[in-house]
Structure formats: C-alpha cells, structure tokens
C-alpha cells in the first residue's frame, strides 16, 4: 500500500496532469485517413477527437490507453479498494507512512 500512497501523494502535489485532447478531426477526414490515425495513436497516450458538424462525437485512443481506463474504472467501482485507498490517504496525511526507500532498502 505504501507505493500507492506515494503515487497518490505525488498526484495531490500537482505532479500529475489531466490529459486533454490536443487534436480534433472532422469525421470525413477521419474516415479518409483512418489507417494513418490508427498508426498515429498506436501505443501512445494521445487521444484524437472526431467531430461531426464541428461538435466532438467520438474519441480515438489506443488499446493500451483503453485498457488502462478500464482498469481505472474497475478500481474506482470497487468500494472495498476505494475505502482502503481513502484510509491510506488519511494515514499518509497524518504522517503515518513509511518512506519508499526504507521499505525497499531492507
């Protein structure tokens, strides 16, 4: 649990950023360039929004990113895991944690 705490605490310090969609492509262009888009997305964490009449309607992401999102949703929907994470955050904020280096130096 200490590793998770380190990650969560780093996230709360602002070391993590929320990914935003950098590229918006009209559906017609996406249709014409689909194979190129697949190659561009493959293995990356990028996301491409596909628009219809200028309005984002879909998002193209890699399987790696998709699986990561599913895993995150699975954890978030597991009340027992979330309660454990919440408790760990409280303990960490109260100073009840062990430094990562100390755990693995022994």
PDB file of N, CA and C in Angstrom:
ATOM      1  N   UNK A   1       0.826  -1.198   0.000  1.00  0.00           N
ATOM      2  CA  UNK A   1       0.000   0.000   0.000  1.00  0.00           C
ATOM      3  C   UNK A   1       0.861   1.250   0.000  1.00  0.00           C
ATOM      4  N   UNK A   2       2.095   1.167   0.472  1.00  0.00           N
ATOM      5  CA  UNK A   2       2.978   2.336   0.528  1.00  0.00           C
ATOM      6  C   UNK A   2       3.242   2.923  -0.843  1.00  0.00           C
ATOM      7  N   UNK A   3       3.387   2.057  -1.840  1.00  0.00           N
ATOM      8  CA  UNK A   3       3.649   2.542  -3.194  1.00  0.00           C
ATOM      9  C   UNK A   3       2.464   3.340  -3.692  1.00  0.00           C
ATOM     10  N   UNK A   4       1.270   2.831  -3.467  1.00  0.00           N
ATOM     11  CA  UNK A   4       0.064   3.549  -3.887  1.00  0.00           C
ATOM     12  C   UNK A   4       0.004   4.899  -3.200  1.00  0.00           C
ATOM     13  N   UNK A   5       0.329   4.932  -1.941  1.00  0.00           N
ATOM     14  CA  UNK A   5       0.304   6.190  -1.191  1.00  0.00           C
ATOM     15  C   UNK A   5       1.260   7.192  -1.812  1.00  0.00           C
ATOM     16  N   UNK A   6       2.470   6.740  -2.164  1.00  0.00           N
ATOM     17  CA  UNK A   6       3.443   7.643  -2.777  1.00  0.00           C
ATOM     18  C   UNK A   6       2.897   8.230  -4.063  1.00  0.00           C
ATOM     19  N   UNK A   7       2.260   7.409  -4.861  1.00  0.00           N
ATOM     20  CA  UNK A   7       1.695   7.870  -6.124  1.00  0.00           C
ATOM     21  C   UNK A   7       0.566   8.857  -5.870  1.00  0.00           C
ATOM     22  N   UNK A   8      -0.308   8.527  -4.940  1.00  0.00           N
ATOM     23  CA  UNK A   8      -1.436   9.409  -4.633  1.00  0.00           C
ATOM     24  C   UNK A   8      -0.941  10.728  -4.074  1.00  0.00           C
ATOM     25  N   UNK A   9       0.008  10.683  -3.175  1.00  0.00           N
ATOM     26  CA  UNK A   9       0.523  11.916  -2.586  1.00  0.00           C
ATOM     27  C   UNK A   9       1.196  12.777  -3.650  1.00  0.00           C
ATOM     28  N   UNK A  10       1.931  12.159  -4.565  1.00  0.00           N
ATOM     29  CA  UNK A  10       2.549  12.919  -5.651  1.00  0.00           C
ATOM     30  C   UNK A  10       1.475  13.558  -6.518  1.00  0.00           C
ATOM     31  N   UNK A  11       0.402  12.820  -6.765  1.00  0.00           N
ATOM     32  CA  UNK A  11      -0.699  13.349  -7.562  1.00  0.00           C
ATOM     33  C   UNK A  11      -1.329  14.553  -6.887  1.00  0.00           C
ATOM     34  N   UNK A  12      -1.469  14.491  -5.582  1.00  0.00           N
ATOM     35  CA  UNK A  12      -2.088  15.594  -4.859  1.00  0.00           C
ATOM     36  C   UNK A  12      -1.182  16.814  -4.800  1.00  0.00           C
ATOM     37  N   UNK A  13       0.107  16.611  -5.012  1.00  0.00           N
ATOM     38  CA  UNK A  13       1.041  17.733  -5.013  1.00  0.00           C
ATOM     39  C   UNK A  13       1.093  18.409  -6.379  1.00  0.00           C
ATOM     40  N   UNK A  14       0.347  17.901  -7.333  1.00  0.00           N
ATOM     41  CA  UNK A  14       0.311  18.522  -8.647  1.00  0.00           C
ATOM     42  C   UNK A  14       1.342  17.967  -9.614  1.00  0.00           C
ATOM     43  N   UNK A  15       1.931  16.825  -9.296  1.00  0.00           N
ATOM     44  CA  UNK A  15       2.908  16.224 -10.191  1.00  0.00           C
ATOM     45  C   UNK A  15       2.238  15.501 -11.359  1.00  0.00           C
ATOM     46  N   UNK A  16       0.951  15.423 -11.343  1.00  0.00           N
ATOM     47  CA  UNK A  16       0.188  14.740 -12.379  1.00  0.00           C
ATOM     48  C   UNK A  16      -0.661  15.764 -13.098  1.00  0.00           C
ATOM     49  N   UNK A  17      -0.871  15.564 -14.361  1.00  0.00           N
ATOM     50  CA  UNK A  17      -1.733  16.479 -15.099  1.00  0.00           C
ATOM     51  C   UNK A  17      -2.842  15.703 -15.791  1.00  0.00           C
ATOM     52  N   UNK A  18      -3.948  16.363 -15.964  1.00  0.00           N
ATOM     53  CA  UNK A  18      -5.076  15.761 -16.645  1.00  0.00           C
ATOM     54  C   UNK A  18      -4.845  15.866 -18.147  1.00  0.00           C
ATOM     55  N   UNK A  19      -4.973  14.743 -18.831  1.00  0.00           N
ATOM     56  CA  UNK A  19      -4.767  14.757 -20.273  1.00  0.00           C
ATOM     57  C   UNK A  19      -5.919  15.484 -20.953  1.00  0.00           C
ATOM     58  N   UNK A  20      -5.566  16.325 -21.885  1.00  0.00           N
ATOM     59  CA  UNK A  20      -6.581  16.988 -22.690  1.00  0.00           C
ATOM     60  C   UNK A  20      -6.408  16.555 -24.132  1.00  0.00           C
ATOM     61  N   UNK A  21      -7.469  16.632 -24.877  1.00  0.00           N
ATOM     62  CA  UNK A  21      -7.415  16.268 -26.289  1.00  0.00           C
ATOM     63  C   UNK A  21      -6.777  17.422 -27.051  1.00  0.00           C
ATOM     64  N   UNK A  22      -5.720  17.117 -27.755  1.00  0.00           N
ATOM     65  CA  UNK A  22      -4.977  18.135 -28.487  1.00  0.00           C
ATOM     66  C   UNK A  22      -5.408  18.242 -29.947  1.00  0.00           C
ATOM     67  N   UNK A  23      -6.036  17.192 -30.458  1.00  0.00           N
ATOM     68  CA  UNK A  23      -6.350  17.167 -31.887  1.00  0.00           C
ATOM     69  C   UNK A  23      -7.824  16.832 -32.115  1.00  0.00           C
ATOM     70  N   UNK A  24      -8.458  17.645 -32.937  1.00  0.00           N
ATOM     71  CA  UNK A  24      -9.852  17.439 -33.325  1.00  0.00           C
ATOM     72  C   UNK A  24      -9.890  17.278 -34.835  1.00  0.00           C
ATOM     73  N   UNK A  25     -10.532  16.208 -35.299  1.00  0.00           N
ATOM     74  CA  UNK A  25     -10.568  15.910 -36.727  1.00  0.00           C
ATOM     75  C   UNK A  25     -12.011  15.696 -37.166  1.00  0.00           C
ATOM     76  N   UNK A  26     -12.410  16.334 -38.272  1.00  0.00           N
ATOM     77  CA  UNK A  26     -13.762  16.095 -38.796  1.00  0.00           C
ATOM     78  C   UNK A  26     -13.930  14.626 -39.193  1.00  0.00           C
ATOM     79  N   UNK A  27     -15.129  14.117 -39.057  1.00  0.00           N
ATOM     80  CA  UNK A  27     -15.402  12.708 -39.330  1.00  0.00           C
ATOM     81  C   UNK A  27     -15.016  12.320 -40.760  1.00  0.00           C
ATOM     82  N   UNK A  28     -15.204  13.203 -41.719  1.00  0.00           N
ATOM     83  CA  UNK A  28     -14.848  12.894 -43.107  1.00  0.00           C
ATOM     84  C   UNK A  28     -13.345  12.680 -43.241  1.00  0.00           C
ATOM     85  N   UNK A  29     -12.559  13.544 -42.611  1.00  0.00           N
ATOM     86  CA  UNK A  29     -11.098  13.389 -42.649  1.00  0.00           C
ATOM     87  C   UNK A  29     -10.692  12.120 -41.907  1.00  0.00           C
ATOM     88  N   UNK A  30     -11.328  11.842 -40.781  1.00  0.00           N
ATOM     89  CA  UNK A  30     -11.027  10.629 -40.015  1.00  0.00           C
ATOM     90  C   UNK A  30     -11.309   9.389 -40.860  1.00  0.00           C
ATOM     91  N   UNK A  31     -12.396   9.427 -41.589  1.00  0.00           N
ATOM     92  CA  UNK A  31     -12.770   8.304 -42.459  1.00  0.00           C
ATOM     93  C   UNK A  31     -11.710   8.107 -43.545  1.00  0.00           C
ATOM     94  N   UNK A  32     -11.282   9.201 -44.156  1.00  0.00           N
ATOM     95  CA  UNK A  32     -10.305   9.121 -45.245  1.00  0.00           C
ATOM     96  C   UNK A  32      -8.904   8.757 -44.751  1.00  0.00           C
ATOM     97  N   UNK A  33      -8.563   9.159 -43.540  1.00  0.00           N
ATOM     98  CA  UNK A  33      -7.214   8.951 -43.000  1.00  0.00           C
ATOM     99  C   UNK A  33      -7.182   7.926 -41.869  1.00  0.00           C
ATOM    100  N   UNK A  34      -8.153   7.031 -41.822  1.00  0.00           N
ATOM    101  CA  UNK A  34      -8.301   6.148 -40.670  1.00  0.00           C
ATOM    102  C   UNK A  34      -7.046   5.333 -40.361  1.00  0.00           C
ATOM    103  N   UNK A  35      -6.444   4.721 -41.374  1.00  0.00           N
ATOM    104  CA  UNK A  35      -5.255   3.900 -41.136  1.00  0.00           C
ATOM    105  C   UNK A  35      -4.113   4.745 -40.572  1.00  0.00           C
ATOM    106  N   UNK A  36      -3.932   5.942 -41.094  1.00  0.00           N
ATOM    107  CA  UNK A  36      -2.893   6.837 -40.566  1.00  0.00           C
ATOM    108  C   UNK A  36      -3.175   7.212 -39.109  1.00  0.00           C
ATOM    109  N   UNK A  37      -4.446   7.439 -38.783  1.00  0.00           N
ATOM    110  CA  UNK A  37      -4.812   7.776 -37.405  1.00  0.00           C
ATOM    111  C   UNK A  37      -4.527   6.611 -36.460  1.00  0.00           C
ATOM    112  N   UNK A  38      -4.825   5.399 -36.914  1.00  0.00           N
ATOM    113  CA  UNK A  38      -4.548   4.198 -36.113  1.00  0.00           C
ATOM    114  C   UNK A  38      -3.048   4.096 -35.844  1.00  0.00           C
ATOM    115  N   UNK A  39      -2.254   4.321 -36.877  1.00  0.00           N
ATOM    116  CA  UNK A  39      -0.794   4.272 -36.710  1.00  0.00           C
ATOM    117  C   UNK A  39      -0.318   5.361 -35.748  1.00  0.00           C
ATOM    118  N   UNK A  40      -0.902   6.537 -35.860  1.00  0.00           N
ATOM    119  CA  UNK A  40      -0.504   7.666 -35.016  1.00  0.00           C
ATOM    120  C   UNK A  40      -0.830   7.396 -33.545  1.00  0.00           C
ATOM    121  N   UNK A  41      -1.973   6.816 -33.276  1.00  0.00           N
ATOM    122  CA  UNK A  41      -2.446   6.568 -31.913  1.00  0.00           C
ATOM    123  C   UNK A  41      -1.785   5.350 -31.285  1.00  0.00           C
ATOM    124  N   UNK A  42      -1.487   4.345 -32.090  1.00  0.00           N
ATOM    125  CA  UNK A  42      -0.977   3.072 -31.590  1.00  0.00           C
ATOM    126  C   UNK A  42       0.101   3.193 -30.534  1.00  0.00           C
ATOM    127  N   UNK A  43      -0.155   2.671 -29.348  1.00  0.00           N
ATOM    128  CA  UNK A  43       0.818   2.647 -28.270  1.00  0.00           C
ATOM    129  C   UNK A  43       1.031   3.955 -27.534  1.00  0.00           C
ATOM    130  N   UNK A  44       0.422   5.022 -27.998  1.00  0.00           N
ATOM    131  CA  UNK A  44       0.622   6.314 -27.326  1.00  0.00           C
ATOM    132  C   UNK A  44      -0.510   6.585 -26.341  1.00  0.00           C
ATOM    133  N   UNK A  45      -0.336   7.619 -25.559  1.00  0.00           N
ATOM    134  CA  UNK A  45      -1.387   8.041 -24.630  1.00  0.00           C
ATOM    135  C   UNK A  45      -2.224   9.167 -25.219  1.00  0.00           C
ATOM    136  N   UNK A  46      -1.970   9.487 -26.477  1.00  0.00           N
ATOM    137  CA  UNK A  46      -2.718  10.559 -27.133  1.00  0.00           C
ATOM    138  C   UNK A  46      -4.163  10.149 -27.390  1.00  0.00           C
ATOM    139  N   UNK A  47      -4.998  11.143 -27.542  1.00  0.00           N
ATOM    140  CA  UNK A  47      -6.404  10.929 -27.886  1.00  0.00           C
ATOM    141  C   UNK A  47      -6.763  11.899 -28.999  1.00  0.00           C
ATOM    142  N   UNK A  48      -7.531  11.426 -29.951  1.00  0.00           N
ATOM    143  CA  UNK A  48      -7.981  12.271 -31.053  1.00  0.00           C
ATOM    144  C   UNK A  48      -9.501  12.321 -31.017  1.00  0.00           C
ATOM    145  N   UNK A  49     -10.036  13.528 -30.982  1.00  0.00           N
ATOM    146  CA  UNK A  49     -11.493  13.696 -31.001  1.00  0.00           C
ATOM    147  C   UNK A  49     -11.952  13.747 -32.452  1.00  0.00           C
ATOM    148  N   UNK A  50     -13.032  13.063 -32.727  1.00  0.00           N
ATOM    149  CA  UNK A  50     -13.627  13.073 -34.064  1.00  0.00           C
ATOM    150  C   UNK A  50     -14.909  13.885 -33.977  1.00  0.00           C
ATOM    151  N   UNK A  51     -14.993  14.884 -34.845  1.00  0.00           N
ATOM    152  CA  UNK A  51     -16.123  15.811 -34.790  1.00  0.00           C
ATOM    153  C   UNK A  51     -17.100  15.584 -35.933  1.00  0.00           C
ATOM    154  N   UNK A  52     -18.345  15.924 -35.660  1.00  0.00           N
ATOM    155  CA  UNK A  52     -19.407  15.901 -36.668  1.00  0.00           C
ATOM    156  C   UNK A  52     -20.058  17.277 -36.601  1.00  0.00           C
ATOM    157  N   UNK A  53     -19.999  17.996 -37.699  1.00  0.00           N
ATOM    158  CA  UNK A  53     -20.501  19.372 -37.745  1.00  0.00           C
ATOM    159  C   UNK A  53     -19.841  20.248 -36.678  1.00  0.00           C
ATOM    160  N   UNK A  54     -18.540  20.004 -36.447  1.00  0.00           N
ATOM    161  CA  UNK A  54     -17.781  20.817 -35.502  1.00  0.00           C
ATOM    162  C   UNK A  54     -17.946  20.445 -34.041  1.00  0.00           C
ATOM    163  N   UNK A  55     -18.761  19.443 -33.760  1.00  0.00           N
ATOM    164  CA  UNK A  55     -19.015  19.026 -32.375  1.00  0.00           C
ATOM    165  C   UNK A  55     -18.348  17.672 -32.126  1.00  0.00           C
ATOM    166  N   UNK A  56     -17.517  17.558 -31.077  1.00  0.00           N
ATOM    167  CA  UNK A  56     -16.888  16.270 -30.774  1.00  0.00           C
ATOM    168  C   UNK A  56     -17.945  15.190 -30.506  1.00  0.00           C
ATOM    169  N   UNK A  57     -17.825  14.080 -31.231  1.00  0.00           N
ATOM    170  CA  UNK A  57     -18.792  12.983 -31.104  1.00  0.00           C
ATOM    171  C   UNK A  57     -18.151  11.674 -30.649  1.00  0.00           C
ATOM    172  N   UNK A  58     -16.841  11.529 -30.870  1.00  0.00           N
ATOM    173  CA  UNK A  58     -16.161  10.283 -30.520  1.00  0.00           C
ATOM    174  C   UNK A  58     -14.693  10.588 -30.245  1.00  0.00           C
ATOM    175  N   UNK A  59     -14.039   9.627 -29.592  1.00  0.00           N
ATOM    176  CA  UNK A  59     -12.614   9.772 -29.296  1.00  0.00           C
ATOM    177  C   UNK A  59     -11.902   8.501 -29.725  1.00  0.00           C
ATOM    178  N   UNK A  60     -10.778   8.667 -30.388  1.00  0.00           N
ATOM    179  CA  UNK A  60      -9.952   7.544 -30.811  1.00  0.00           C
ATOM    180  C   UNK A  60      -8.749   7.468 -29.874  1.00  0.00           C
ATOM    181  N   UNK A  61      -8.591   6.314 -29.215  1.00  0.00           N
ATOM    182  CA  UNK A  61      -7.462   6.091 -28.308  1.00  0.00           C
ATOM    183  C   UNK A  61      -6.877   4.714 -28.595  1.00  0.00           C
ATOM    184  N   UNK A  62      -5.653   4.492 -28.138  1.00  0.00           N
ATOM    185  CA  UNK A  62      -5.001   3.197 -28.333  1.00  0.00           C
ATOM    186  C   UNK A  62      -5.625   2.142 -27.415  1.00  0.00           C
ATOM    187  N   UNK A  63      -5.383   0.878 -27.748  1.00  0.00           N
ATOM    188  CA  UNK A  63      -5.848  -0.213 -26.882  1.00  0.00           C
ATOM    189  C   UNK A  63      -5.175  -0.125 -25.518  1.00  0.00           C
ATOM    190  N   UNK A  64      -3.903   0.278 -25.506  1.00  0.00           N
ATOM    191  CA  UNK A  64      -3.178   0.432 -24.239  1.00  0.00           C
ATOM    192  C   UNK A  64      -3.902   1.434 -23.343  1.00  0.00           C
ATOM    193  N   UNK A  65      -4.259   2.577 -23.902  1.00  0.00           N
ATOM    194  CA  UNK A  65      -4.952   3.613 -23.138  1.00  0.00           C
ATOM    195  C   UNK A  65      -6.347   3.125 -22.733  1.00  0.00           C
ATOM    196  N   UNK A  66      -7.049   2.462 -23.638  1.00  0.00           N
ATOM    197  CA  UNK A  66      -8.386   1.940 -23.359  1.00  0.00           C
ATOM    198  C   UNK A  66      -8.345   0.956 -22.194  1.00  0.00           C
ATOM    199  N   UNK A  67      -7.388   0.016 -22.239  1.00  0.00           N
ATOM    200  CA  UNK A  67      -7.263  -0.965 -21.156  1.00  0.00           C
ATOM    201  C   UNK A  67      -6.918  -0.293 -19.834  1.00  0.00           C
ATOM    202  N   UNK A  68      -6.094   0.735 -19.895  1.00  0.00           N
ATOM    203  CA  UNK A  68      -5.747   1.493 -18.692  1.00  0.00           C
ATOM    204  C   UNK A  68      -6.983   2.166 -18.098  1.00  0.00           C
ATOM    205  N   UNK A  69      -7.812   2.739 -18.949  1.00  0.00           N
ATOM    206  CA  UNK A  69      -9.049   3.375 -18.480  1.00  0.00           C
ATOM    207  C   UNK A  69      -9.999   2.352 -17.865  1.00  0.00           C
ATOM    208  N   UNK A  70     -10.107   1.170 -18.488  1.00  0.00           N
ATOM    209  CA  UNK A  70     -10.963   0.115 -17.931  1.00  0.00           C
ATOM    210  C   UNK A  70     -10.466  -0.324 -16.556  1.00  0.00           C
ATOM    211  N   UNK A  71      -9.153  -0.452 -16.418  1.00  0.00           N
ATOM    212  CA  UNK A  71      -8.580  -0.849 -15.128  1.00  0.00           C
ATOM    213  C   UNK A  71      -8.863   0.215 -14.064  1.00  0.00           C
ATOM    214  N   UNK A  72      -8.734   1.471 -14.448  1.00  0.00           N
ATOM    215  CA  UNK A  72      -9.028   2.566 -13.522  1.00  0.00           C
ATOM    216  C   UNK A  72     -10.486   2.535 -13.095  1.00  0.00           C
ATOM    217  N   UNK A  73     -11.385   2.336 -14.047  1.00  0.00           N
ATOM    218  CA  UNK A  73     -12.813   2.252 -13.722  1.00  0.00           C
ATOM    219  C   UNK A  73     -13.102   1.071 -12.804  1.00  0.00           C
ATOM    220  N   UNK A  74     -12.402  -0.037 -13.037  1.00  0.00           N
ATOM    221  CA  UNK A  74     -12.587  -1.221 -12.200  1.00  0.00           C
ATOM    222  C   UNK A  74     -12.198  -0.917 -10.752  1.00  0.00           C
ATOM    223  N   UNK A  75     -11.081  -0.241 -10.573  1.00  0.00           N
ATOM    224  CA  UNK A  75     -10.636   0.126  -9.220  1.00  0.00           C
ATOM    225  C   UNK A  75     -11.614   1.104  -8.586  1.00  0.00           C
ATOM    226  N   UNK A  76     -12.021   2.117  -9.349  1.00  0.00           N
ATOM    227  CA  UNK A  76     -12.939   3.127  -8.817  1.00  0.00           C
ATOM    228  C   UNK A  76     -14.297   2.543  -8.444  1.00  0.00           C
ATOM    229  N   UNK A  77     -14.705   1.473  -9.125  1.00  0.00           N
ATOM    230  CA  UNK A  77     -16.009   0.879  -8.829  1.00  0.00           C
ATOM    231  C   UNK A  77     -15.938  -0.167  -7.716  1.00  0.00           C
ATOM    232  N   UNK A  78     -14.736  -0.491  -7.259  1.00  0.00           N
ATOM    233  CA  UNK A  78     -14.546  -1.452  -6.172  1.00  0.00           C
ATOM    234  C   UNK A  78     -14.549  -0.685  -4.847  1.00  0.00           C
ATOM    235  N   UNK A  79     -15.672  -0.695  -4.157  1.00  0.00           N
ATOM    236  CA  UNK A  79     -15.826   0.093  -2.933  1.00  0.00           C
ATOM    237  C   UNK A  79     -14.797  -0.288  -1.874  1.00  0.00           C
ATOM    238  N   UNK A  80     -14.475  -1.573  -1.777  1.00  0.00           N
ATOM    239  CA  UNK A  80     -13.500  -2.018  -0.791  1.00  0.00           C
ATOM    240  C   UNK A  80     -12.114  -1.425  -1.093  1.00  0.00           C
ATOM    241  N   UNK A  81     -11.727  -1.460  -2.344  1.00  0.00           N
ATOM    242  CA  UNK A  81     -10.430  -0.896  -2.736  1.00  0.00           C
ATOM    243  C   UNK A  81     -10.411   0.608  -2.517  1.00  0.00           C
ATOM    244  N   UNK A  82     -11.493   1.278  -2.865  1.00  0.00           N
ATOM    245  CA  UNK A  82     -11.556   2.731  -2.702  1.00  0.00           C
ATOM    246  C   UNK A  82     -11.508   3.123  -1.228  1.00  0.00           C
ATOM    247  N   UNK A  83     -12.167   2.360  -0.379  1.00  0.00           N
ATOM    248  CA  UNK A  83     -12.130   2.657   1.055  1.00  0.00           C
ATOM    249  C   UNK A  83     -10.714   2.481   1.592  1.00  0.00           C
ATOM    250  N   UNK A  84     -10.035   1.444   1.113  1.00  0.00           N
ATOM    251  CA  UNK A  84      -8.652   1.214   1.523  1.00  0.00           C
ATOM    252  C   UNK A  84      -7.758   2.373   1.077  1.00  0.00           C
ATOM    253  N   UNK A  85      -7.968   2.853  -0.133  1.00  0.00           N
ATOM    254  CA  UNK A  85      -7.192   3.991  -0.639  1.00  0.00           C
ATOM    255  C   UNK A  85      -7.491   5.243   0.181  1.00  0.00           C
ATOM    256  N   UNK A  86      -8.773   5.490   0.459  1.00  0.00           N
ATOM    257  CA  UNK A  86      -9.149   6.661   1.280  1.00  0.00           C
ATOM    258  C   UNK A  86      -8.493   6.596   2.663  1.00  0.00           C
ATOM    259  N   UNK A  87      -8.536   5.413   3.277  1.00  0.00           N
ATOM    260  CA  UNK A  87      -7.915   5.240   4.599  1.00  0.00           C
ATOM    261  C   UNK A  87      -6.408   5.471   4.525  1.00  0.00           C
ATOM    262  N   UNK A  88      -5.794   4.959   3.475  1.00  0.00           N
ATOM    263  CA  UNK A  88      -4.353   5.133   3.307  1.00  0.00           C
ATOM    264  C   UNK A  88      -3.987   6.597   3.117  1.00  0.00           C
ATOM    265  N   UNK A  89      -4.807   7.329   2.393  1.00  0.00           N
ATOM    266  CA  UNK A  89      -4.563   8.765   2.191  1.00  0.00           C
ATOM    267  C   UNK A  89      -4.648   9.494   3.529  1.00  0.00           C
ATOM    268  N   UNK A  90      -5.660   9.152   4.327  1.00  0.00           N
ATOM    269  CA  UNK A  90      -5.799   9.777   5.653  1.00  0.00           C
ATOM    270  C   UNK A  90      -4.571   9.496   6.514  1.00  0.00           C
ATOM    271  N   UNK A  91      -4.115   8.243   6.496  1.00  0.00           N
ATOM    272  CA  UNK A  91      -2.938   7.875   7.283  1.00  0.00           C
ATOM    273  C   UNK A  91      -1.699   8.619   6.786  1.00  0.00           C
ATOM    274  N   UNK A  92      -1.561   8.726   5.492  1.00  0.00           N
ATOM    275  CA  UNK A  92      -0.401   9.421   4.929  1.00  0.00           C
ATOM    276  C   UNK A  92      -0.416  10.897   5.295  1.00  0.00           C
ATOM    277  N   UNK A  93      -1.587  11.509   5.232  1.00  0.00           N
ATOM    278  CA  UNK A  93      -1.703  12.925   5.599  1.00  0.00           C
ATOM    279  C   UNK A  93      -1.395  13.136   7.079  1.00  0.00           C
ATOM    280  N   UNK A  94      -1.672  12.115   7.889  1.00  0.00           N
ATOM    281  CA  UNK A  94      -1.399  12.197   9.325  1.00  0.00           C
ATOM    282  C   UNK A  94       0.057  11.835   9.639  1.00  0.00           C
ATOM    283  N   UNK A  95       0.832  11.563   8.604  1.00  0.00           N
ATOM    284  CA  UNK A  95       2.245  11.236   8.802  1.00  0.00           C
ATOM    285  C   UNK A  95       2.511   9.785   9.123  1.00  0.00           C
ATOM    286  N   UNK A  96       1.500   8.936   8.982  1.00  0.00           N
ATOM    287  CA  UNK A  96       1.651   7.510   9.289  1.00  0.00           C
ATOM    288  C   UNK A  96       1.997   6.745   8.012  1.00  0.00           C
ATOM    289  N   UNK A  97       3.218   6.943   7.532  1.00  0.00           N
ATOM    290  CA  UNK A  97       3.648   6.221   6.351  1.00  0.00           C
ATOM    291  C   UNK A  97       5.140   5.972   6.413  1.00  0.00           C
ATOM    292  N   UNK A  98       5.576   5.013   5.613  1.00  0.00           N
ATOM    293  CA  UNK A  98       6.983   4.641   5.582  1.00  0.00           C
ATOM    294  C   UNK A  98       7.549   5.078   4.240  1.00  0.00           C
ATOM    295  N   UNK A  99       8.719   5.690   4.269  1.00  0.00           N
ATOM    296  CA  UNK A  99       9.378   6.162   3.061  1.00  0.00           C
ATOM    297  C   UNK A  99       9.655   4.993   2.113  1.00  0.00           C
ATOM    298  N   UNK A 100       9.447   5.203   0.841  1.00  0.00           N
ATOM    299  CA  UNK A 100       9.650   4.189  -0.196  1.00  0.00           C
ATOM    300  C   UNK A 100      11.048   3.576  -0.096  1.00  0.00           C
ATOM    301  N   UNK A 101      12.058   4.412   0.077  1.00  0.00           N
ATOM    302  CA  UNK A 101      13.437   3.935   0.172  1.00  0.00           C
ATOM    303  C   UNK A 101      13.666   3.011   1.349  1.00  0.00           C
ATOM    304  N   UNK A 102      13.031   3.301   2.475  1.00  0.00           N
ATOM    305  CA  UNK A 102      13.189   2.461   3.665  1.00  0.00           C
ATOM    306  C   UNK A 102      12.557   1.092   3.467  1.00  0.00           C
ATOM    307  N   UNK A 103      11.442   1.048   2.770  1.00  0.00           N
ATOM    308  CA  UNK A 103      10.747  -0.223   2.547  1.00  0.00           C
ATOM    309  C   UNK A 103      11.613  -1.161   1.721  1.00  0.00           C
ATOM    310  N   UNK A 104      12.253  -0.635   0.671  1.00  0.00           N
ATOM    311  CA  UNK A 104      12.994  -1.495  -0.242  1.00  0.00           C
ATOM    312  C   UNK A 104      14.488  -1.570   0.047  1.00  0.00           C
ATOM    313  N   UNK A 105      14.974  -0.845   1.035  1.00  0.00           N
ATOM    314  CA  UNK A 105      16.400  -0.911   1.365  1.00  0.00           C
ATOM    315  C   UNK A 105      16.705  -2.044   2.335  1.00  0.00           C
ATOM    316  N   UNK A 106      15.677  -2.585   2.948  1.00  0.00           N
ATOM    317  CA  UNK A 106      15.880  -3.647   3.948  1.00  0.00           C
ATOM    318  C   UNK A 106      16.045  -4.995   3.318  1.00  0.00           C
TER     319      UNK A 106
END
